[in-house]
PDB file of N, CA and C in Angstrom:
ATOM      1  N   MET A   1     117.957  84.948 113.372  1.00  0.00           N
ATOM      2  CA  MET A   1     118.111  86.200 112.181  1.00  0.00           C
ATOM      3  C   MET A   1     116.688  86.655 112.499  1.00  0.00           C
ATOM      4  N   PHE A   2     116.021  86.219 113.306  1.00  0.00           N
ATOM      5  CA  PHE A   2     115.139  87.393 113.642  1.00  0.00           C
ATOM      6  C   PHE A   2     114.597  88.536 115.135  1.00  0.00           C
ATOM      7  N   GLU A   3     116.446  87.922 115.573  1.00  0.00           N
ATOM      8  CA  GLU A   3     117.025  88.353 116.994  1.00  0.00           C
ATOM      9  C   GLU A   3     116.879  90.015 117.093  1.00  0.00           C
ATOM     10  N   CYS A   4     116.795  90.903 115.672  1.00  0.00           N
ATOM     11  CA  CYS A   4     117.000  92.040 115.747  1.00  0.00           C
ATOM     12  C   CYS A   4     115.769  92.297 115.801  1.00  0.00           C
ATOM     13  N   PHE A   5     114.302  91.341 116.038  1.00  0.00           N
ATOM     14  CA  PHE A   5     112.881  92.113 116.523  1.00  0.00           C
ATOM     15  C   PHE A   5     112.243  91.904 117.036  1.00  0.00           C
ATOM     16  N   ARG A   6     113.486  91.157 117.719  1.00  0.00           N
ATOM     17  CA  ARG A   6     112.980  91.235 119.811  1.00  0.00           C
ATOM     18  C   ARG A   6     111.786  91.975 119.901  1.00  0.00           C
ATOM     19  N   GLY A   7     112.997  93.078 120.297  1.00  0.00           N
ATOM     20  CA  GLY A   7     112.909  94.339 121.163  1.00  0.00           C
ATOM     21  C   GLY A   7     111.828  95.420 120.492  1.00  0.00           C
ATOM     22  N   GLY A   8     111.629  94.494 119.137  1.00  0.00           N
ATOM     23  CA  GLY A   8     111.002  95.912 117.848  1.00  0.00           C
ATOM     24  C   GLY A   8     109.386  96.071 118.546  1.00  0.00           C
ATOM     25  N   ALA A   9     108.517  97.183 118.477  1.00  0.00           N
ATOM     26  CA  ALA A   9     107.127  97.547 118.556  1.00  0.00           C
ATOM     27  C   ALA A   9     106.488  97.094 117.912  1.00  0.00           C
ATOM     28  N   GLY A  10     105.690  96.708 118.004  1.00  0.00           N
ATOM     29  CA  GLY A  10     104.595  95.737 117.366  1.00  0.00           C
ATOM     30  C   GLY A  10     103.129  96.156 117.014  1.00  0.00           C
ATOM     31  N   GLU A  11     102.718  96.410 116.516  1.00  0.00           N
ATOM     32  CA  GLU A  11     101.165  96.759 116.753  1.00  0.00           C
ATOM     33  C   GLU A  11     100.183  94.989 115.851  1.00  0.00           C
ATOM     34  N   VAL A  12      98.831  95.761 116.868  1.00  0.00           N
ATOM     35  CA  VAL A  12      98.492  94.300 116.441  1.00  0.00           C
ATOM     36  C   VAL A  12      97.012  95.303 116.276  1.00  0.00           C
ATOM     37  N   LEU A  13      96.444  94.284 115.437  1.00  0.00           N
ATOM     38  CA  LEU A  13      95.680  94.507 114.283  1.00  0.00           C
ATOM     39  C   LEU A  13      94.076  93.534 114.130  1.00  0.00           C
ATOM     40  N   THR A  14      93.354  94.237 114.652  1.00  0.00           N
ATOM     41  CA  THR A  14      92.606  93.224 114.385  1.00  0.00           C
ATOM     42  C   THR A  14      92.021  92.476 112.750  1.00  0.00           C
ATOM     43  N   ARG A  15      91.773  90.967 112.193  1.00  0.00           N
ATOM     44  CA  ARG A  15      91.121  91.015 111.091  1.00  0.00           C
ATOM     45  C   ARG A  15      90.498  91.824 110.031  1.00  0.00           C
ATOM     46  N   ALA A  16      89.787  92.454 110.806  1.00  0.00           N
ATOM     47  CA  ALA A  16      89.269  93.936 109.636  1.00  0.00           C
ATOM     48  C   ALA A  16      90.849  94.723 109.541  1.00  0.00           C
ATOM     49  N   GLU A  17      91.411  95.125 110.148  1.00  0.00           N
ATOM     50  CA  GLU A  17      92.540  96.472 110.098  1.00  0.00           C
ATOM     51  C   GLU A  17      92.796  95.680 109.390  1.00  0.00           C
ATOM     52  N   TYR A  18      93.600  93.937 109.228  1.00  0.00           N
ATOM     53  CA  TYR A  18      94.853  93.888 109.117  1.00  0.00           C
ATOM     54  C   TYR A  18      94.325  93.797 107.115  1.00  0.00           C
ATOM     55  N   LEU A  19      92.826  92.389 106.656  1.00  0.00           N
ATOM     56  CA  LEU A  19      92.807  92.936 105.681  1.00  0.00           C
ATOM     57  C   LEU A  19      92.514  94.151 104.579  1.00  0.00           C
ATOM     58  N   ALA A  20      92.381  95.075 106.048  1.00  0.00           N
ATOM     59  CA  ALA A  20      92.407  96.833 105.109  1.00  0.00           C
ATOM     60  C   ALA A  20      93.517  96.913 104.723  1.00  0.00           C
ATOM     61  N   ASP A  21      94.678  96.799 105.359  1.00  0.00           N
ATOM     62  CA  ASP A  21      96.148  97.054 104.992  1.00  0.00           C
ATOM     63  C   ASP A  21      96.955  96.655 103.748  1.00  0.00           C
ATOM     64  N   PHE A  22      96.407  94.573 104.390  1.00  0.00           N
ATOM     65  CA  PHE A  22      96.446  93.898 102.955  1.00  0.00           C
ATOM     66  C   PHE A  22      96.808  94.315 101.381  1.00  0.00           C
ATOM     67  N   SER A  23      94.815  94.575 101.217  1.00  0.00           N
ATOM     68  CA  SER A  23      94.205  94.950 100.481  1.00  0.00           C
ATOM     69  C   SER A  23      94.830  96.213  99.909  1.00  0.00           C
ATOM     70  N   ARG A  24      95.851  97.534 100.548  1.00  0.00           N
ATOM     71  CA  ARG A  24      95.622  98.640 100.222  1.00  0.00           C
ATOM     72  C   ARG A  24      97.023  98.871 100.044  1.00  0.00           C
ATOM     73  N   ALA A  25      97.945  97.999 100.162  1.00  0.00           N
ATOM     74  CA  ALA A  25      99.107  97.215  99.906  1.00  0.00           C
ATOM     75  C   ALA A  25      98.980  96.662  98.252  1.00  0.00           C
ATOM     76  N   HIS A  26      98.288  96.019  98.426  1.00  0.00           N
ATOM     77  CA  HIS A  26      98.258  94.865  97.573  1.00  0.00           C
ATOM     78  C   HIS A  26      97.560  95.414  96.055  1.00  0.00           C
ATOM     79  N   LYS A  27      97.218  96.138  96.218  1.00  0.00           N
ATOM     80  CA  LYS A  27      95.931  97.434  94.875  1.00  0.00           C
ATOM     81  C   LYS A  27      96.476  98.660  94.987  1.00  0.00           C
ATOM     82  N   SER A  28      98.484  98.781  95.963  1.00  0.00           N
ATOM     83  CA  SER A  28      98.953  99.965  94.992  1.00  0.00           C
ATOM     84  C   SER A  28     100.507  98.991  94.262  1.00  0.00           C
ATOM     85  N   GLY A  29     100.317  98.329  93.679  1.00  0.00           N
ATOM     86  CA  GLY A  29     101.267  97.474  92.596  1.00  0.00           C
ATOM     87  C   GLY A  29     102.516  97.705  92.957  1.00  0.00           C
ATOM     88  N   ILE A  30     102.068  96.667  93.815  1.00  0.00           N
ATOM     89  CA  ILE A  30     103.257  97.013  94.944  1.00  0.00           C
ATOM     90  C   ILE A  30     104.031  95.442  94.011  1.00  0.00           C
ATOM     91  N   SER A  31     105.739  95.233  93.868  1.00  0.00           N
ATOM     92  CA  SER A  31     105.912  94.317  92.784  1.00  0.00           C
ATOM     93  C   SER A  31     106.137  92.477  93.980  1.00  0.00           C
ATOM     94  N   LEU A  32     106.737  92.870  95.553  1.00  0.00           N
ATOM     95  CA  LEU A  32     106.829  91.687  96.061  1.00  0.00           C
ATOM     96  C   LEU A  32     106.203  92.106  97.302  1.00  0.00           C
ATOM     97  N   LEU A  33     105.147  91.258  97.646  1.00  0.00           N
ATOM     98  CA  LEU A  33     104.413  91.915  98.886  1.00  0.00           C
ATOM     99  C   LEU A  33     104.714  90.360 100.293  1.00  0.00           C
ATOM    100  N   ALA A  34     105.179  90.517 100.803  1.00  0.00           N
ATOM    101  CA  ALA A  34     106.293  90.076 101.789  1.00  0.00           C
ATOM    102  C   ALA A  34     106.481  89.876 102.491  1.00  0.00           C
ATOM    103  N   LYS A  35     105.847  89.564 103.824  1.00  0.00           N
ATOM    104  CA  LYS A  35     105.827  89.860 105.068  1.00  0.00           C
ATOM    105  C   LYS A  35     106.210  88.358 106.264  1.00  0.00           C
ATOM    106  N   ILE A  36     106.320  88.781 107.332  1.00  0.00           N
ATOM    107  CA  ILE A  36     107.570  87.519 108.404  1.00  0.00           C
ATOM    108  C   ILE A  36     105.907  87.655 109.391  1.00  0.00           C
ATOM    109  N   GLU A  37     105.700  85.515 108.584  1.00  0.00           N
ATOM    110  CA  GLU A  37     104.955  84.701 108.656  1.00  0.00           C
ATOM    111  C   GLU A  37     105.123  84.594 110.343  1.00  0.00           C
ATOM    112  N   ARG A  38     106.152  84.629 111.597  1.00  0.00           N
ATOM    113  CA  ARG A  38     106.769  83.901 112.271  1.00  0.00           C
ATOM    114  C   ARG A  38     106.729  85.496 113.621  1.00  0.00           C
ATOM    115  N   GLY A  39     106.124  85.642 112.794  1.00  0.00           N
ATOM    116  CA  GLY A  39     106.069  87.801 113.563  1.00  0.00           C
ATOM    117  C   GLY A  39     104.913  88.337 114.051  1.00  0.00           C
ATOM    118  N   GLN A  40     103.953  86.853 113.541  1.00  0.00           N
ATOM    119  CA  GLN A  40     102.022  87.393 113.692  1.00  0.00           C
ATOM    120  C   GLN A  40     102.481  86.430 114.018  1.00  0.00           C
ATOM    121  N   THR A  41     100.548  86.954 115.014  1.00  0.00           N
ATOM    122  CA  THR A  41      99.581  85.337 116.052  1.00  0.00           C
ATOM    123  C   THR A  41      98.050  85.254 115.278  1.00  0.00           C
ATOM    124  N   PHE A  42      98.415  84.193 115.227  1.00  0.00           N
ATOM    125  CA  PHE A  42      96.212  84.533 114.552  1.00  0.00           C
ATOM    126  C   PHE A  42      95.335  83.886 115.717  1.00  0.00           C
ATOM    127  N   LYS A  43      94.991  84.602 116.393  1.00  0.00           N
ATOM    128  CA  LYS A  43      93.695  84.556 117.268  1.00  0.00           C
ATOM    129  C   LYS A  43      92.417  84.444 116.208  1.00  0.00           C
ATOM    130  N   GLU A  44      91.484  84.450 115.964  1.00  0.00           N
ATOM    131  CA  GLU A  44      90.673  84.181 115.356  1.00  0.00           C
ATOM    132  C   GLU A  44      88.701  83.589 116.001  1.00  0.00           C
ATOM    133  N   GLN A  45      89.087  84.230 117.458  1.00  0.00           N
ATOM    134  CA  GLN A  45      87.315  83.739 117.829  1.00  0.00           C
ATOM    135  C   GLN A  45      86.144  83.958 116.502  1.00  0.00           C
ATOM    136  N   GLY A  46      85.233  82.814 116.903  1.00  0.00           N
ATOM    137  CA  GLY A  46      84.241  82.790 115.694  1.00  0.00           C
ATOM    138  C   GLY A  46      84.354  82.822 114.430  1.00  0.00           C
ATOM    139  N   SER A  47      85.962  82.513 113.306  1.00  0.00           N
ATOM    140  CA  SER A  47      85.844  81.558 112.348  1.00  0.00           C
ATOM    141  C   SER A  47      86.054  80.076 112.992  1.00  0.00           C
ATOM    142  N   PRO A  48      84.265  78.990 112.109  1.00  0.00           N
ATOM    143  CA  PRO A  48      84.387  77.846 112.199  1.00  0.00           C
ATOM    144  C   PRO A  48      86.249  77.231 111.684  1.00  0.00           C
ATOM    145  N   SER A  49      86.606  77.343 111.373  1.00  0.00           N
ATOM    146  CA  SER A  49      87.695  76.565 111.073  1.00  0.00           C
ATOM    147  C   SER A  49      89.240  76.693 111.657  1.00  0.00           C
ATOM    148  N   TRP A  50      88.656  78.144 112.710  1.00  0.00           N
ATOM    149  CA  TRP A  50      90.324  78.636 113.781  1.00  0.00           C
ATOM    150  C   TRP A  50      89.331  77.487 114.607  1.00  0.00           C
ATOM    151  N   GLU A  51      88.337  78.269 115.102  1.00  0.00           N
ATOM    152  CA  GLU A  51      88.032  77.534 116.017  1.00  0.00           C
ATOM    153  C   GLU A  51      87.926  75.368 116.233  1.00  0.00           C
ATOM    154  N   ALA A  52      87.731  75.583 114.668  1.00  0.00           N
ATOM    155  CA  ALA A  52      87.750  74.112 114.643  1.00  0.00           C
ATOM    156  C   ALA A  52      90.264  73.184 114.979  1.00  0.00           C
ATOM    157  N   PHE A  53      90.623  74.504 114.963  1.00  0.00           N
ATOM    158  CA  PHE A  53      91.853  74.320 114.133  1.00  0.00           C
ATOM    159  C   PHE A  53      92.115  74.776 116.374  1.00  0.00           C
ATOM    160  N   ALA A  54      91.585  75.227 116.966  1.00  0.00           N
ATOM    161  CA  ALA A  54      92.311  75.661 118.052  1.00  0.00           C
ATOM    162  C   ALA A  54      91.633  74.600 119.562  1.00  0.00           C
ATOM    163  N   SER A  55      90.141  73.668 119.068  1.00  0.00           N
ATOM    164  CA  SER A  55      90.075  72.604 119.559  1.00  0.00           C
ATOM    165  C   SER A  55      91.188  71.537 119.234  1.00  0.00           C
ATOM    166  N   GLY A  56      91.832  71.265 118.354  1.00  0.00           N
ATOM    167  CA  GLY A  56      92.936  70.014 118.288  1.00  0.00           C
ATOM    168  C   GLY A  56      92.233  69.506 116.399  1.00  0.00           C
ATOM    169  N   ASP A  57      91.220  69.587 116.746  1.00  0.00           N
ATOM    170  CA  ASP A  57      90.630  69.671 115.069  1.00  0.00           C
ATOM    171  C   ASP A  57      91.454  69.649 114.415  1.00  0.00           C
ATOM    172  N   TRP A  58      92.504  69.798 114.137  1.00  0.00           N
ATOM    173  CA  TRP A  58      93.438  70.007 112.662  1.00  0.00           C
ATOM    174  C   TRP A  58      92.400  69.204 111.083  1.00  0.00           C
ATOM    175  N   ALA A  59      91.666  68.116 111.191  1.00  0.00           N
ATOM    176  CA  ALA A  59      90.791  67.730 110.040  1.00  0.00           C
ATOM    177  C   ALA A  59      89.700  68.091 109.532  1.00  0.00           C
ATOM    178  N   GLY A  60      88.756  68.693 110.631  1.00  0.00           N
ATOM    179  CA  GLY A  60      88.119  69.525 110.577  1.00  0.00           C
ATOM    180  C   GLY A  60      88.420  70.960 110.284  1.00  0.00           C
ATOM    181  N   ALA A  61      89.337  71.627 110.415  1.00  0.00           N
ATOM    182  CA  ALA A  61      89.712  72.900 109.990  1.00  0.00           C
ATOM    183  C   ALA A  61      89.839  72.996 108.731  1.00  0.00           C
ATOM    184  N   LEU A  62      90.996  71.787 108.584  1.00  0.00           N
ATOM    185  CA  LEU A  62      91.378  71.839 107.364  1.00  0.00           C
ATOM    186  C   LEU A  62      89.893  71.533 106.116  1.00  0.00           C
ATOM    187  N   ARG A  63      89.260  70.606 106.682  1.00  0.00           N
ATOM    188  CA  ARG A  63      87.996  70.586 105.487  1.00  0.00           C
ATOM    189  C   ARG A  63      87.154  72.179 105.908  1.00  0.00           C
ATOM    190  N   LEU A  64      87.370  73.010 106.811  1.00  0.00           N
ATOM    191  CA  LEU A  64      86.754  74.100 106.529  1.00  0.00           C
ATOM    192  C   LEU A  64      87.192  75.138 106.211  1.00  0.00           C
ATOM    193  N   ILE A  65      88.180  74.955 106.503  1.00  0.00           N
ATOM    194  CA  ILE A  65      89.010  75.998 104.716  1.00  0.00           C
ATOM    195  C   ILE A  65      88.925  75.418 103.328  1.00  0.00           C
ATOM    196  N   GLU A  66      88.943  74.644 103.446  1.00  0.00           N
ATOM    197  CA  GLU A  66      88.143  74.055 101.958  1.00  0.00           C
ATOM    198  C   GLU A  66      87.494  74.311 101.552  1.00  0.00           C
ATOM    199  N   GLU A  67      86.037  74.026 102.695  1.00  0.00           N
ATOM    200  CA  GLU A  67      85.013  74.266 102.313  1.00  0.00           C
ATOM    201  C   GLU A  67      84.530  76.103 101.717  1.00  0.00           C
ATOM    202  N   THR A  68      85.083  76.732 102.291  1.00  0.00           N
ATOM    203  CA  THR A  68      85.555  77.868 101.846  1.00  0.00           C
ATOM    204  C   THR A  68      85.689  78.519 100.862  1.00  0.00           C
ATOM    205  N   THR A  69      86.467  77.669 100.088  1.00  0.00           N
ATOM    206  CA  THR A  69      86.821  78.588  98.786  1.00  0.00           C
ATOM    207  C   THR A  69      86.357  77.850  98.331  1.00  0.00           C
ATOM    208  N   THR A  70      85.914  76.536  98.314  1.00  0.00           N
ATOM    209  CA  THR A  70      85.870  76.190  97.305  1.00  0.00           C
ATOM    210  C   THR A  70      84.090  76.156  97.063  1.00  0.00           C
ATOM    211  N   ASN A  71      83.429  77.052  97.435  1.00  0.00           N
ATOM    212  CA  ASN A  71      82.254  77.344  97.761  1.00  0.00           C
ATOM    213  C   ASN A  71      82.469  79.167  97.232  1.00  0.00           C
TER     214      ASN A  71
END
C-alpha cells in the first residue's frame, strides 16, 4: 500500500515544528485529521520517556508517559 511513497520527498520537522503544524491543522476545523504513522520516525532526545524507550526500558517509558498525562 505504501509503495507509492517510497520515492517521494519528505520533510524532517523538529518536535516544535511538528506540534506547531499539527496545532495549525487541528485549529482549522478540519473534520478528519489523519497521518501516515509508518512514514514517521521519532527521535526525541531529551524526552525522559523517549530516552527510556530508546534504552530498552519499555516499562519505564510507559510509566513516564502515564505520569506526564496524569499530572
